[in-house]
Amino acid sequence: MTSPTPVPAPAPAPDTVRKALRAVKDPELNLNIIDIGLVYDVEVNEQGDVHVRMTLTSPGCPAGTEIIDDVKTVAGDVEGVRSVEVELVWDPYWTPEKMDPRVRAFLGF
């Protein structure tokens, strides 16, 4: 008797991955990367491959590698995710206006 082949979990919705990415914080601001507007887009195909299009607060951000690694780890831990690709972009350039309005108010912007 053979064991049944496990059925892989279905690919998650992009919003599920985006919600999980709230666990990733910019260590300089101690705020999550979703609320500060660093994540521009999350795409997930039927196979569970995730593509995150994001930026950093500046091209010389000293925490950039740490943030990108955390995005890959957190998104990769979402059930149904097979792989994670992070595309770092500088257009549009990040500005405080990209922050959630509540966060902007909290920080005094």
N, C-alpha and C. Protein backbone atom coordinates (compact mmCIF):
# COMPACT_ATOMS: atom_id res chain seq x y z
N MET A 1 0.84 -1.17 0.00
CA MET A 1 0.00 0.00 0.00
C MET A 1 0.89 1.24 0.00
N THR A 2 0.58 2.18 -0.86
CA THR A 2 1.37 3.41 -0.95
C THR A 2 0.61 4.55 -0.29
N SER A 3 1.38 5.48 0.21
CA SER A 3 0.78 6.66 0.84
C SER A 3 0.28 7.59 -0.25
N PRO A 4 -0.84 8.27 0.01
CA PRO A 4 -1.31 9.23 -0.99
C PRO A 4 -0.32 10.39 -1.11
N THR A 5 -0.21 10.90 -2.31
CA THR A 5 0.65 12.05 -2.54
C THR A 5 0.01 13.27 -1.90
N PRO A 6 0.78 13.99 -1.06
CA PRO A 6 0.18 15.17 -0.43
C PRO A 6 -0.20 16.22 -1.48
N VAL A 7 -1.31 16.84 -1.25
CA VAL A 7 -1.78 17.89 -2.15
C VAL A 7 -1.22 19.21 -1.64
N PRO A 8 -0.50 19.94 -2.49
CA PRO A 8 0.05 21.22 -2.03
C PRO A 8 -1.07 22.21 -1.71
N ALA A 9 -0.78 23.08 -0.77
CA ALA A 9 -1.75 24.12 -0.41
C ALA A 9 -1.95 25.03 -1.61
N PRO A 10 -3.15 25.56 -1.77
CA PRO A 10 -3.37 26.49 -2.89
C PRO A 10 -2.55 27.77 -2.68
N ALA A 11 -2.25 28.42 -3.77
CA ALA A 11 -1.50 29.68 -3.70
C ALA A 11 -2.31 30.70 -2.91
N PRO A 12 -1.65 31.48 -2.06
CA PRO A 12 -2.38 32.48 -1.28
C PRO A 12 -2.76 33.69 -2.15
N ALA A 13 -3.72 34.43 -1.67
CA ALA A 13 -4.10 35.69 -2.33
C ALA A 13 -3.00 36.72 -2.05
N PRO A 14 -2.78 37.66 -2.97
CA PRO A 14 -1.79 38.71 -2.72
C PRO A 14 -2.03 39.45 -1.40
N ASP A 15 -3.29 39.68 -1.04
CA ASP A 15 -3.58 40.37 0.22
C ASP A 15 -3.13 39.57 1.43
N THR A 16 -3.14 38.25 1.32
CA THR A 16 -2.66 37.41 2.42
C THR A 16 -1.17 37.60 2.63
N VAL A 17 -0.42 37.66 1.54
CA VAL A 17 1.02 37.89 1.62
C VAL A 17 1.28 39.30 2.14
N ARG A 18 0.54 40.27 1.62
CA ARG A 18 0.71 41.66 2.06
C ARG A 18 0.46 41.77 3.57
N LYS A 19 -0.57 41.11 4.05
CA LYS A 19 -0.88 41.14 5.48
C LYS A 19 0.27 40.53 6.29
N ALA A 20 0.83 39.44 5.81
CA ALA A 20 1.96 38.81 6.50
C ALA A 20 3.17 39.74 6.54
N LEU A 21 3.36 40.54 5.49
CA LEU A 21 4.51 41.44 5.43
C LEU A 21 4.44 42.56 6.46
N ARG A 22 3.30 42.72 7.13
CA ARG A 22 3.22 43.69 8.23
C ARG A 22 4.17 43.31 9.37
N ALA A 23 4.61 42.06 9.39
CA ALA A 23 5.55 41.61 10.42
C ALA A 23 6.97 42.10 10.16
N VAL A 24 7.23 42.59 8.95
CA VAL A 24 8.57 43.08 8.60
C VAL A 24 8.65 44.55 8.96
N LYS A 25 9.63 44.88 9.80
CA LYS A 25 9.78 46.28 10.23
C LYS A 25 11.05 46.90 9.66
N ASP A 26 10.95 48.18 9.40
CA ASP A 26 12.14 48.96 9.08
C ASP A 26 12.80 49.21 10.43
N PRO A 27 14.00 48.65 10.68
CA PRO A 27 14.61 48.77 12.00
C PRO A 27 14.95 50.20 12.41
N GLU A 28 15.10 51.08 11.44
CA GLU A 28 15.41 52.48 11.78
C GLU A 28 14.19 53.21 12.30
N LEU A 29 13.02 52.92 11.73
CA LEU A 29 11.78 53.58 12.15
C LEU A 29 10.97 52.74 13.13
N ASN A 30 11.28 51.45 13.22
CA ASN A 30 10.53 50.50 14.05
C ASN A 30 9.05 50.47 13.67
N LEU A 31 8.78 50.61 12.38
CA LEU A 31 7.41 50.55 11.85
C LEU A 31 7.40 49.53 10.72
N ASN A 32 6.22 48.92 10.49
CA ASN A 32 6.18 47.88 9.45
C ASN A 32 6.24 48.49 8.05
N ILE A 33 6.78 47.71 7.13
CA ILE A 33 7.05 48.21 5.78
C ILE A 33 5.79 48.46 4.96
N ILE A 34 4.67 47.89 5.37
CA ILE A 34 3.40 48.16 4.68
C ILE A 34 2.92 49.55 5.04
N ASP A 35 2.86 49.85 6.34
CA ASP A 35 2.35 51.15 6.78
C ASP A 35 3.23 52.31 6.35
N ILE A 36 4.53 52.08 6.21
CA ILE A 36 5.38 53.19 5.77
C ILE A 36 5.47 53.28 4.25
N GLY A 37 4.78 52.39 3.56
CA GLY A 37 4.64 52.51 2.11
C GLY A 37 5.80 52.00 1.28
N LEU A 38 6.58 51.07 1.82
CA LEU A 38 7.71 50.54 1.05
C LEU A 38 7.31 49.47 0.05
N VAL A 39 6.17 48.81 0.27
CA VAL A 39 5.72 47.75 -0.64
C VAL A 39 4.75 48.36 -1.64
N TYR A 40 5.13 48.33 -2.91
CA TYR A 40 4.30 48.90 -3.97
C TYR A 40 3.32 47.89 -4.55
N ASP A 41 3.74 46.62 -4.65
CA ASP A 41 2.87 45.63 -5.27
C ASP A 41 3.27 44.23 -4.83
N VAL A 42 2.26 43.35 -4.70
CA VAL A 42 2.49 41.94 -4.41
C VAL A 42 1.69 41.14 -5.43
N GLU A 43 2.37 40.27 -6.16
CA GLU A 43 1.71 39.39 -7.13
C GLU A 43 1.99 37.94 -6.75
N VAL A 44 0.99 37.09 -6.94
CA VAL A 44 1.14 35.66 -6.67
C VAL A 44 0.55 34.90 -7.85
N ASN A 45 1.33 34.00 -8.46
CA ASN A 45 0.77 33.21 -9.56
C ASN A 45 0.12 31.93 -9.01
N GLU A 46 -0.48 31.16 -9.89
CA GLU A 46 -1.21 29.95 -9.49
C GLU A 46 -0.32 28.91 -8.82
N GLN A 47 0.96 28.92 -9.13
CA GLN A 47 1.88 27.95 -8.54
C GLN A 47 2.39 28.37 -7.16
N GLY A 48 2.05 29.59 -6.74
CA GLY A 48 2.50 30.07 -5.43
C GLY A 48 3.80 30.84 -5.47
N ASP A 49 4.20 31.29 -6.66
CA ASP A 49 5.40 32.12 -6.78
C ASP A 49 5.01 33.56 -6.50
N VAL A 50 5.70 34.18 -5.55
CA VAL A 50 5.38 35.54 -5.12
C VAL A 50 6.41 36.51 -5.69
N HIS A 51 5.92 37.64 -6.17
CA HIS A 51 6.76 38.73 -6.66
C HIS A 51 6.39 39.97 -5.86
N VAL A 52 7.35 40.49 -5.09
CA VAL A 52 7.13 41.70 -4.29
C VAL A 52 7.91 42.83 -4.94
N ARG A 53 7.21 43.88 -5.30
CA ARG A 53 7.84 45.09 -5.86
C ARG A 53 7.86 46.11 -4.74
N MET A 54 9.06 46.53 -4.36
CA MET A 54 9.17 47.43 -3.21
C MET A 54 10.36 48.37 -3.36
N THR A 55 10.45 49.29 -2.41
CA THR A 55 11.55 50.23 -2.38
C THR A 55 12.07 50.31 -0.96
N LEU A 56 13.03 51.18 -0.75
CA LEU A 56 13.55 51.48 0.58
C LEU A 56 13.43 52.98 0.79
N THR A 57 13.64 53.43 2.01
CA THR A 57 13.50 54.86 2.28
C THR A 57 14.56 55.69 1.57
N SER A 58 15.70 55.06 1.23
CA SER A 58 16.74 55.73 0.45
C SER A 58 17.63 54.67 -0.19
N PRO A 59 18.29 55.01 -1.30
CA PRO A 59 19.17 54.03 -1.94
C PRO A 59 20.30 53.54 -1.03
N GLY A 60 20.72 54.37 -0.09
CA GLY A 60 21.79 53.99 0.82
C GLY A 60 21.30 53.44 2.15
N CYS A 61 20.06 53.02 2.20
CA CYS A 61 19.47 52.52 3.45
C CYS A 61 20.35 51.42 4.05
N PRO A 62 20.90 51.65 5.25
CA PRO A 62 21.78 50.65 5.84
C PRO A 62 21.08 49.35 6.22
N ALA A 63 19.76 49.39 6.35
CA ALA A 63 19.00 48.20 6.73
C ALA A 63 18.41 47.48 5.51
N GLY A 64 18.76 47.92 4.31
CA GLY A 64 18.16 47.38 3.10
C GLY A 64 18.26 45.87 2.96
N THR A 65 19.45 45.32 3.15
CA THR A 65 19.63 43.87 3.02
C THR A 65 18.80 43.12 4.05
N GLU A 66 18.78 43.62 5.27
CA GLU A 66 18.00 42.99 6.34
C GLU A 66 16.51 43.00 6.01
N ILE A 67 16.01 44.13 5.53
CA ILE A 67 14.59 44.24 5.19
C ILE A 67 14.23 43.28 4.06
N ILE A 68 15.03 43.24 3.02
CA ILE A 68 14.76 42.35 1.88
C ILE A 68 14.81 40.89 2.32
N ASP A 69 15.79 40.52 3.14
CA ASP A 69 15.86 39.15 3.64
C ASP A 69 14.62 38.81 4.47
N ASP A 70 14.17 39.75 5.30
CA ASP A 70 12.97 39.53 6.11
C ASP A 70 11.73 39.36 5.23
N VAL A 71 11.64 40.15 4.15
CA VAL A 71 10.51 40.02 3.23
C VAL A 71 10.49 38.62 2.63
N LYS A 72 11.65 38.14 2.19
CA LYS A 72 11.72 36.80 1.60
C LYS A 72 11.33 35.72 2.61
N THR A 73 11.80 35.86 3.84
CA THR A 73 11.50 34.87 4.88
C THR A 73 10.02 34.88 5.25
N VAL A 74 9.49 36.06 5.53
CA VAL A 74 8.09 36.16 5.97
C VAL A 74 7.13 35.74 4.86
N ALA A 75 7.35 36.23 3.65
CA ALA A 75 6.47 35.84 2.54
C ALA A 75 6.60 34.35 2.25
N GLY A 76 7.81 33.83 2.35
CA GLY A 76 8.04 32.41 2.10
C GLY A 76 7.39 31.50 3.12
N ASP A 77 7.11 32.02 4.30
CA ASP A 77 6.46 31.23 5.35
C ASP A 77 4.94 31.18 5.21
N VAL A 78 4.37 31.96 4.30
CA VAL A 78 2.92 31.94 4.09
C VAL A 78 2.55 30.62 3.42
N GLU A 79 1.53 29.98 3.94
CA GLU A 79 1.11 28.69 3.39
C GLU A 79 0.76 28.82 1.91
N GLY A 80 1.28 27.91 1.11
CA GLY A 80 1.00 27.90 -0.32
C GLY A 80 2.04 28.63 -1.16
N VAL A 81 3.00 29.30 -0.51
CA VAL A 81 4.04 30.02 -1.26
C VAL A 81 5.16 29.04 -1.62
N ARG A 82 5.51 29.02 -2.89
CA ARG A 82 6.57 28.15 -3.39
C ARG A 82 7.91 28.89 -3.46
N SER A 83 7.88 30.15 -3.91
CA SER A 83 9.11 30.93 -4.02
C SER A 83 8.78 32.41 -3.86
N VAL A 84 9.81 33.19 -3.54
CA VAL A 84 9.64 34.63 -3.36
C VAL A 84 10.74 35.36 -4.11
N GLU A 85 10.34 36.33 -4.91
CA GLU A 85 11.28 37.20 -5.62
C GLU A 85 10.98 38.63 -5.17
N VAL A 86 12.02 39.36 -4.79
CA VAL A 86 11.86 40.76 -4.40
C VAL A 86 12.50 41.62 -5.48
N GLU A 87 11.72 42.53 -6.02
CA GLU A 87 12.23 43.49 -7.01
C GLU A 87 12.35 44.84 -6.31
N LEU A 88 13.57 45.31 -6.17
CA LEU A 88 13.82 46.60 -5.54
C LEU A 88 13.78 47.68 -6.61
N VAL A 89 12.91 48.66 -6.44
CA VAL A 89 12.74 49.72 -7.44
C VAL A 89 12.94 51.09 -6.80
N TRP A 90 13.29 52.06 -7.62
CA TRP A 90 13.48 53.44 -7.15
C TRP A 90 12.54 54.39 -7.86
N ASP A 91 11.65 53.86 -8.67
CA ASP A 91 10.67 54.68 -9.38
C ASP A 91 9.30 54.04 -9.20
N PRO A 92 8.41 54.66 -8.49
CA PRO A 92 8.55 56.00 -7.91
C PRO A 92 9.43 55.97 -6.66
N TYR A 93 10.11 57.07 -6.45
CA TYR A 93 10.97 57.24 -5.30
C TYR A 93 10.11 57.33 -4.04
N TRP A 94 10.55 56.73 -2.94
CA TRP A 94 9.79 56.78 -1.70
C TRP A 94 9.85 58.18 -1.10
N THR A 95 8.71 58.65 -0.63
CA THR A 95 8.61 59.90 0.13
C THR A 95 7.66 59.65 1.29
N PRO A 96 7.68 60.48 2.33
CA PRO A 96 6.76 60.29 3.46
C PRO A 96 5.28 60.28 3.05
N GLU A 97 4.95 60.86 1.91
CA GLU A 97 3.56 60.86 1.45
C GLU A 97 3.05 59.45 1.16
N LYS A 98 3.96 58.50 0.98
CA LYS A 98 3.56 57.11 0.72
C LYS A 98 3.14 56.38 1.99
N MET A 99 3.40 56.98 3.14
CA MET A 99 3.02 56.36 4.42
C MET A 99 1.51 56.37 4.61
N ASP A 100 1.04 55.40 5.38
CA ASP A 100 -0.35 55.41 5.82
C ASP A 100 -0.58 56.74 6.54
N PRO A 101 -1.70 57.43 6.28
CA PRO A 101 -1.94 58.74 6.90
C PRO A 101 -1.84 58.72 8.43
N ARG A 102 -2.25 57.64 9.06
CA ARG A 102 -2.15 57.57 10.53
C ARG A 102 -0.70 57.56 10.98
N VAL A 103 0.15 56.85 10.24
CA VAL A 103 1.56 56.79 10.59
C VAL A 103 2.22 58.14 10.35
N ARG A 104 1.85 58.78 9.24
CA ARG A 104 2.38 60.12 8.95
C ARG A 104 2.04 61.08 10.09
N ALA A 105 0.80 61.04 10.55
CA ALA A 105 0.37 61.92 11.64
C ALA A 105 1.14 61.59 12.92
N PHE A 106 1.31 60.30 13.19
CA PHE A 106 2.03 59.87 14.39
C PHE A 106 3.47 60.38 14.38
N LEU A 107 4.09 60.37 13.20
CA LEU A 107 5.48 60.82 13.08
C LEU A 107 5.60 62.33 12.89
N GLY A 108 4.47 63.01 12.75
CA GLY A 108 4.50 64.46 12.62
C GLY A 108 4.75 64.97 11.21
N PHE A 109 4.48 64.15 10.19
CA PHE A 109 4.65 64.59 8.80
C PHE A 109 3.38 65.24 8.31
